[in-house]
C-alpha atoms as a PDB file:
ATOM      1  CA  MET A   1      74.267  63.354  82.116  1.00  0.00           C
ATOM      2  CA  ALA A   2      70.677  65.186  80.721  1.00  0.00           C
ATOM      3  CA  ALA A   3      70.030  66.678  83.861  1.00  0.00           C
ATOM      4  CA  ALA A   4      73.417  68.684  83.284  1.00  0.00           C
ATOM      5  CA  GLN A   5      73.279  69.202  79.889  1.00  0.00           C
ATOM      6  CA  SER A   6      69.404  70.881  80.030  1.00  0.00           C
ATOM      7  CA  SER A   7      71.274  73.067  83.066  1.00  0.00           C
ATOM      8  CA  GLY A   8      73.663  74.300  80.989  1.00  0.00           C
ATOM      9  CA  GLN A   9      71.841  74.541  78.500  1.00  0.00           C
ATOM     10  CA  LEU A  10      69.352  77.026  80.868  1.00  0.00           C
ATOM     11  CA  ALA A  11      72.422  78.671  81.703  1.00  0.00           C
ATOM     12  CA  VAL A  12      73.367  79.679  77.953  1.00  0.00           C
ATOM     13  CA  GLN A  13      70.032  81.015  76.950  1.00  0.00           C
ATOM     14  CA  SER A  14      70.310  82.630  80.252  1.00  0.00           C
ATOM     15  CA  ALA A  15      73.110  84.309  79.368  1.00  0.00           C
ATOM     16  CA  ALA A  16      72.172  85.098  75.612  1.00  0.00           C
ATOM     17  CA  ALA A  17      68.865  86.674  77.121  1.00  0.00           C
ATOM     18  CA  ALA A  18      70.915  89.271  79.499  1.00  0.00           C
ATOM     19  CA  ILE A  19      73.192  90.221  76.671  1.00  0.00           C
ATOM     20  CA  THR A  20      70.260  91.125  74.307  1.00  0.00           C
ATOM     21  CA  ALA A  21      68.439  92.946  77.598  1.00  0.00           C
ATOM     22  CA  GLN A  22      71.775  94.737  77.635  1.00  0.00           C
ATOM     23  CA  GLN A  23      72.153  95.008  73.953  1.00  0.00           C
ATOM     24  CA  GLN A  24      68.965  96.897  74.076  1.00  0.00           C
ATOM     25  CA  PHE A  25      68.608  98.849  77.507  1.00  0.00           C
ATOM     26  CA  ILE A  26      72.006 100.429  75.395  1.00  0.00           C
ATOM     27  CA  ILE A  27      69.586 101.279  72.101  1.00  0.00           C
ATOM     28  CA  ASN A  28      67.421 102.740  73.985  1.00  0.00           C
ATOM     29  CA  SER A  29      69.334 104.765  75.615  1.00  0.00           C
ATOM     30  CA  PHE A  30      70.026 106.027  72.529  1.00  0.00           C
ATOM     31  CA  LYS A  31      67.088 107.125  71.501  1.00  0.00           C
ATOM     32  CA  GLY A  32      67.819 104.439  68.101  1.00  0.00           C
ATOM     33  CA  GLN A  33      70.484 106.533  67.122  1.00  0.00           C
ATOM     34  CA  ILE A  34      73.383 104.721  67.577  1.00  0.00           C
ATOM     35  CA  TYR A  35      73.832 101.124  65.888  1.00  0.00           C
ATOM     36  CA  VAL A  36      75.506  99.340  68.941  1.00  0.00           C
ATOM     37  CA  SER A  37      77.411  96.685  66.904  1.00  0.00           C
ATOM     38  CA  ASN A  38      80.950  95.601  66.918  1.00  0.00           C
ATOM     39  CA  SER A  39      82.276  99.038  65.899  1.00  0.00           C
ATOM     40  CA  LEU A  40      81.039 100.594  69.275  1.00  0.00           C
ATOM     41  CA  ASP A  41      82.361 100.179  72.857  1.00  0.00           C
ATOM     42  CA  VAL A  42      80.121 101.190  74.859  1.00  0.00           C
ATOM     43  CA  GLN A  43      80.530 101.906  78.767  1.00  0.00           C
ATOM     44  CA  ASP A  44      79.544 103.752  81.806  1.00  0.00           C
ATOM     45  CA  THR A  45      82.341 106.705  81.891  1.00  0.00           C
ATOM     46  CA  PRO A  46      81.354 110.619  83.030  1.00  0.00           C
ATOM     47  CA  VAL A  47      82.057 112.684  80.334  1.00  0.00           C
ATOM     48  CA  TYR A  48      83.639 115.915  82.328  1.00  0.00           C
ATOM     49  CA  ASP A  49      85.125 119.334  82.534  1.00  0.00           C
ATOM     50  CA  THR A  50      86.408 121.922  85.656  1.00  0.00           C
ATOM     51  CA  ILE A  51      86.341 125.917  85.216  1.00  0.00           C
ATOM     52  CA  THR A  52      89.058 127.342  88.473  1.00  0.00           C
ATOM     53  CA  TYR A  53      88.590 131.028  90.185  1.00  0.00           C
ATOM     54  CA  THR A  54      90.900 132.467  91.566  1.00  0.00           C
ATOM     55  CA  ALA A  55      90.239 134.174  95.429  1.00  0.00           C
ATOM     56  CA  GLY A  56      89.669 137.208  94.187  1.00  0.00           C
ATOM     57  CA  ALA A  57      88.013 136.306  90.499  1.00  0.00           C
ATOM     58  CA  ALA A  58      84.923 137.523  88.582  1.00  0.00           C
ATOM     59  CA  ILE A  59      82.353 134.602  87.472  1.00  0.00           C
ATOM     60  CA  ASN A  60      80.514 136.135  84.953  1.00  0.00           C
ATOM     61  CA  THR A  61      77.870 133.956  81.953  1.00  0.00           C
ATOM     62  CA  PRO A  62      81.128 133.671  79.601  1.00  0.00           C
ATOM     63  CA  ASN A  63      83.707 132.773  82.089  1.00  0.00           C
ATOM     64  CA  SER A  64      81.511 129.631  82.859  1.00  0.00           C
ATOM     65  CA  SER A  65      81.020 128.539  80.000  1.00  0.00           C
ATOM     66  CA  PHE A  66      82.328 124.153  80.530  1.00  0.00           C
ATOM     67  CA  PHE A  67      83.523 121.565  77.607  1.00  0.00           C
ATOM     68  CA  THR A  68      84.267 124.776  75.349  1.00  0.00           C
ATOM     69  CA  ASN A  69      87.266 125.355  76.558  1.00  0.00           C
ATOM     70  CA  VAL A  70      89.526 121.426  76.357  1.00  0.00           C
ATOM     71  CA  GLU A  71      91.776 121.726  73.591  1.00  0.00           C
ATOM     72  CA  THR A  72      95.606 121.337  74.134  1.00  0.00           C
ATOM     73  CA  GLY A  73      95.706 124.808  74.570  1.00  0.00           C
ATOM     74  CA  SER A  74      93.330 125.284  77.784  1.00  0.00           C
ATOM     75  CA  GLY A  75      96.286 123.644  79.892  1.00  0.00           C
ATOM     76  CA  LYS A  76      93.735 120.871  81.207  1.00  0.00           C
ATOM     77  CA  THR A  77      94.680 117.537  82.925  1.00  0.00           C
ATOM     78  CA  THR A  78      92.704 114.413  82.492  1.00  0.00           C
ATOM     79  CA  ALA A  79      91.853 115.337  86.437  1.00  0.00           C
ATOM     80  CA  GLN A  80      89.941 118.099  84.671  1.00  0.00           C
ATOM     81  CA  THR A  81      88.428 117.279  81.775  1.00  0.00           C
ATOM     82  CA  ASN A  82      87.890 113.948  79.761  1.00  0.00           C
ATOM     83  CA  LEU A  83      87.736 115.931  75.944  1.00  0.00           C
ATOM     84  CA  THR A  84      89.797 116.733  73.842  1.00  0.00           C
ATOM     85  CA  GLN A  85      87.569 118.862  71.318  1.00  0.00           C
ATOM     86  CA  ASN A  86      85.499 122.027  72.151  1.00  0.00           C
ATOM     87  CA  SER A  87      81.876 121.701  72.602  1.00  0.00           C
ATOM     88  CA  LYS A  88      82.371 117.780  70.337  1.00  0.00           C
ATOM     89  CA  LEU A  89      82.879 114.428  71.614  1.00  0.00           C
ATOM     90  CA  ASP A  90      85.642 112.704  69.301  1.00  0.00           C
ATOM     91  CA  ALA A  91      83.368 111.179  65.757  1.00  0.00           C
ATOM     92  CA  PRO A  92      82.514 108.753  66.402  1.00  0.00           C
ATOM     93  CA  GLU A  93      81.423 108.814  69.854  1.00  0.00           C
ATOM     94  CA  ALA A  94      77.900 109.295  71.504  1.00  0.00           C
ATOM     95  CA  PHE A  95      76.743 109.774  74.791  1.00  0.00           C
ATOM     96  CA  SER A  96      73.716 109.276  76.383  1.00  0.00           C
ATOM     97  CA  VAL A  97      72.811 111.966  79.881  1.00  0.00           C
ATOM     98  CA  PHE A  98      70.955 110.286  82.582  1.00  0.00           C
ATOM     99  CA  GLY A  99      72.871 112.347  85.053  1.00  0.00           C
ATOM    100  CA  VAL A 100      73.894 116.304  85.391  1.00  0.00           C
ATOM    101  CA  ARG A 101      76.263 117.131  88.406  1.00  0.00           C
ATOM    102  CA  VAL A 102      78.075 120.279  88.806  1.00  0.00           C
ATOM    103  CA  GLY A 103      79.732 120.163  92.183  1.00  0.00           C
ATOM    104  CA  VAL A 104      82.846 122.935  93.622  1.00  0.00           C
ATOM    105  CA  SER A 105      86.069 122.389  95.754  1.00  0.00           C
ATOM    106  CA  GLU A 106      84.934 121.276  98.745  1.00  0.00           C
ATOM    107  CA  ASP A 107      87.135 124.077 100.190  1.00  0.00           C
ATOM    108  CA  ILE A 108      84.861 127.097  98.938  1.00  0.00           C
ATOM    109  CA  LEU A 109      85.243 130.532 101.790  1.00  0.00           C
ATOM    110  CA  ARG A 110      81.212 129.508 102.829  1.00  0.00           C
ATOM    111  CA  SER A 111      80.001 133.274 101.940  1.00  0.00           C
ATOM    112  CA  ASP A 112      81.380 132.839  98.261  1.00  0.00           C
ATOM    113  CA  PHE A 113      79.051 129.293  98.472  1.00  0.00           C
ATOM    114  CA  GLN A 114      76.548 131.173  99.636  1.00  0.00           C
ATOM    115  CA  THR A 115      76.314 134.284  96.848  1.00  0.00           C
ATOM    116  CA  LEU A 116      77.282 131.090  94.698  1.00  0.00           C
ATOM    117  CA  LEU A 117      73.922 129.295  95.403  1.00  0.00           C
ATOM    118  CA  ASN A 118      71.848 132.670  95.850  1.00  0.00           C
ATOM    119  CA  SER A 119      72.754 134.032  92.598  1.00  0.00           C
ATOM    120  CA  TRP A 120      72.945 131.477  89.483  1.00  0.00           C
ATOM    121  CA  ALA A 121      71.256 128.735  87.714  1.00  0.00           C
ATOM    122  CA  PHE A 122      73.196 126.596  85.534  1.00  0.00           C
ATOM    123  CA  GLU A 123      72.234 125.051  82.071  1.00  0.00           C
ATOM    124  CA  PHE A 124      72.554 122.732  79.991  1.00  0.00           C
ATOM    125  CA  TRP A 125      72.621 123.440  76.128  1.00  0.00           C
ATOM    126  CA  LEU A 126      72.797 120.705  73.400  1.00  0.00           C
ATOM    127  CA  GLY A 127      72.782 122.722  69.206  1.00  0.00           C
ATOM    128  CA  LYS A 128      71.196 126.388  69.946  1.00  0.00           C
ATOM    129  CA  LYS A 129      68.658 125.261  73.203  1.00  0.00           C
ATOM    130  CA  GLU A 130      69.023 124.987  76.746  1.00  0.00           C
ATOM    131  CA  TYR A 131      68.067 121.383  78.124  1.00  0.00           C
ATOM    132  CA  GLN A 132      68.286 121.341  81.444  1.00  0.00           C
ATOM    133  CA  ARG A 133      67.969 125.023  83.252  1.00  0.00           C
ATOM    134  CA  ALA A 134      67.730 125.528  87.458  1.00  0.00           C
ATOM    135  CA  ASN A 135      69.593 126.692  90.284  1.00  0.00           C
ATOM    136  CA  ILE A 136      72.016 125.719  90.664  1.00  0.00           C
ATOM    137  CA  ARG A 137      71.070 123.021  94.391  1.00  0.00           C
ATOM    138  CA  HIS A 138      68.735 120.796  91.637  1.00  0.00           C
ATOM    139  CA  PHE A 139      72.152 119.709  89.876  1.00  0.00           C
ATOM    140  CA  SER A 140      73.202 117.554  93.312  1.00  0.00           C
ATOM    141  CA  SER A 141      76.804 116.614  92.598  1.00  0.00           C
ATOM    142  CA  GLY A 142      76.842 113.006  94.926  1.00  0.00           C
ATOM    143  CA  TRP A 143      79.953 113.608  95.835  1.00  0.00           C
ATOM    144  CA  GLY A 144      82.391 115.760  98.170  1.00  0.00           C
ATOM    145  CA  LEU A 145      84.471 115.612 101.682  1.00  0.00           C
ATOM    146  CA  THR A 146      81.621 113.582 104.653  1.00  0.00           C
ATOM    147  CA  GLY A 147      83.184 113.374 107.775  1.00  0.00           C
ATOM    148  CA  PHE A 148      84.334 114.773 111.056  1.00  0.00           C
ATOM    149  CA  SER A 149      87.737 116.700 112.111  1.00  0.00           C
ATOM    150  CA  THR A 150      89.103 117.978 115.633  1.00  0.00           C
ATOM    151  CA  LYS A 151      90.720 120.754 113.729  1.00  0.00           C
ATOM    152  CA  THR A 152      87.800 123.775 114.459  1.00  0.00           C
ATOM    153  CA  ALA A 153      88.236 126.063 112.474  1.00  0.00           C
ATOM    154  CA  GLU A 154      88.023 122.895 109.046  1.00  0.00           C
ATOM    155  CA  SER A 155      85.213 122.396 107.361  1.00  0.00           C
ATOM    156  CA  ALA A 156      84.120 121.722 104.197  1.00  0.00           C
ATOM    157  CA  TYR A 157      81.159 122.588 102.222  1.00  0.00           C
ATOM    158  CA  THR A 158      79.529 120.460  99.271  1.00  0.00           C
ATOM    159  CA  ASN A 159      76.425 120.693  96.378  1.00  0.00           C
ATOM    160  CA  GLY A 160      74.245 117.939  98.521  1.00  0.00           C
ATOM    161  CA  TRP A 161      74.837 114.912 100.481  1.00  0.00           C
ATOM    162  CA  PRO A 162      78.171 112.733  98.955  1.00  0.00           C
ATOM    163  CA  SER A 163      76.264 110.053  98.534  1.00  0.00           C
ATOM    164  CA  ARG A 164      75.451 108.673  94.610  1.00  0.00           C
ATOM    165  CA  ASP A 165      71.867 108.402  95.465  1.00  0.00           C
ATOM    166  CA  SER A 166      71.831 111.363  96.018  1.00  0.00           C
ATOM    167  CA  MET A 167      73.121 113.128  92.569  1.00  0.00           C
ATOM    168  CA  ASN A 168      70.543 113.940  89.648  1.00  0.00           C
ATOM    169  CA  VAL A 169      69.452 112.266  87.807  1.00  0.00           C
ATOM    170  CA  VAL A 170      66.996 113.522  84.499  1.00  0.00           C
ATOM    171  CA  ALA A 171      63.844 111.533  83.405  1.00  0.00           C
ATOM    172  CA  VAL A 172      64.546 111.858  79.818  1.00  0.00           C
ATOM    173  CA  LYS A 173      67.285 111.354  78.391  1.00  0.00           C
ATOM    174  CA  LEU A 174      69.239 113.359  76.144  1.00  0.00           C
ATOM    175  CA  VAL A 175      71.638 112.133  74.302  1.00  0.00           C
ATOM    176  CA  ILE A 176      74.458 114.253  72.372  1.00  0.00           C
ATOM    177  CA  ALA A 177      75.062 112.513  68.834  1.00  0.00           C
ATOM    178  CA  ASN A 178      78.149 112.083  66.965  1.00  0.00           C
ATOM    179  CA  GLN A 179      79.335 116.108  66.014  1.00  0.00           C
ATOM    180  CA  MET A 180      76.932 117.476  68.050  1.00  0.00           C
ATOM    181  CA  SER A 181      78.179 120.836  69.763  1.00  0.00           C
ATOM    182  CA  PHE A 182      77.317 120.902  73.273  1.00  0.00           C
ATOM    183  CA  PHE A 183      78.443 123.359  76.637  1.00  0.00           C
ATOM    184  CA  ALA A 184      77.224 124.135  80.207  1.00  0.00           C
ATOM    185  CA  GLN A 185      77.559 127.418  81.568  1.00  0.00           C
ATOM    186  CA  LEU A 186      76.254 129.737  84.242  1.00  0.00           C
ATOM    187  CA  THR A 187      73.220 131.875  84.207  1.00  0.00           C
ATOM    188  CA  GLY A 188      71.561 134.485  86.233  1.00  0.00           C
ATOM    189  CA  SER A 189      73.709 137.445  87.215  1.00  0.00           C
ATOM    190  CA  ALA A 190      75.635 139.956  85.853  1.00  0.00           C
ATOM    191  CA  SER A 191      79.132 138.493  87.499  1.00  0.00           C
ATOM    192  CA  GLN A 192      80.025 137.272  90.917  1.00  0.00           C
ATOM    193  CA  THR A 193      83.770 138.633  92.706  1.00  0.00           C
ATOM    194  CA  LEU A 194      84.497 136.204  94.950  1.00  0.00           C
ATOM    195  CA  ASN A 195      86.261 136.867  98.466  1.00  0.00           C
ATOM    196  CA  ALA A 196      90.018 137.768  97.347  1.00  0.00           C
ATOM    197  CA  SER A 197      90.963 136.277 101.496  1.00  0.00           C
ATOM    198  CA  GLY A 198      89.517 133.058 100.878  1.00  0.00           C
ATOM    199  CA  ASN A 199      90.478 130.024  98.629  1.00  0.00           C
ATOM    200  CA  GLY A 200      88.614 130.517  94.648  1.00  0.00           C
ATOM    201  CA  MET A 201      86.733 127.758  93.647  1.00  0.00           C
ATOM    202  CA  ILE A 202      86.790 124.749  91.400  1.00  0.00           C
ATOM    203  CA  MET A 203      83.430 123.800  89.829  1.00  0.00           C
ATOM    204  CA  LEU A 204      83.276 121.000  88.388  1.00  0.00           C
ATOM    205  CA  CYS A 205      80.805 119.792  85.807  1.00  0.00           C
ATOM    206  CA  GLU A 206      80.217 115.681  84.899  1.00  0.00           C
ATOM    207  CA  LEU A 207      77.648 114.031  82.558  1.00  0.00           C
ATOM    208  CA  VAL A 208      76.607 110.514  84.454  1.00  0.00           C
ATOM    209  CA  GLY A 209      76.044 107.884  81.098  1.00  0.00           C
ATOM    210  CA  LEU A 210      76.743 105.825  78.460  1.00  0.00           C
ATOM    211  CA  TYR A 211      79.498 106.705  75.923  1.00  0.00           C
ATOM    212  CA  ALA A 212      80.151 105.192  72.946  1.00  0.00           C
ATOM    213  CA  ARG A 213      83.696 105.209  71.264  1.00  0.00           C
ATOM    214  CA  GLY A 214      84.832 103.418  68.163  1.00  0.00           C
ATOM    215  CA  VAL A 215      86.504  99.724  68.982  1.00  0.00           C
ATOM    216  CA  GLN A 216      90.365 100.191  69.265  1.00  0.00           C
END
């Protein structure tokens, strides 16, 4: 009986230690700006937004802004974004960014994709300062179609190898605090016009990390 009780106590202590470690990890992830208690629900789920360009459309910095056109009038579905406010999270939400992923629709025309990679940098802004800026290749998405096809005319292109292990991660966590403005955009070229006979392009930006939301 004593042995069984001792084993049970050890199991409870191990569980408590694991919970404490997880809570400390969450607190550290938000740089101590958010106190994790019963008032917050913190989950490993992304924040994302999508921009759609039709064939023949022009890409430029103003129309490549992510997270700034997500409200009701944007017409976007939950497949395209999970935000409801332009450039902000709903209060009292916050987000700790572990990685920034940028991907394009796999049916993009090869010449359009090559021009995109060679012409543009991607940057992520918090407030009035950019915290990430590099060529699009740097922000490997870690997703996309892969495999083989018997159709000789079929092809698919992705930004990086489709594997979670290959997605871009940040060494220093970026915290989107409660009501802090943020956005992302392309920069580096005046404009790029997609081939009118191509498929256009859908571009998705996903912030990977811990999403802190109010308990409901």
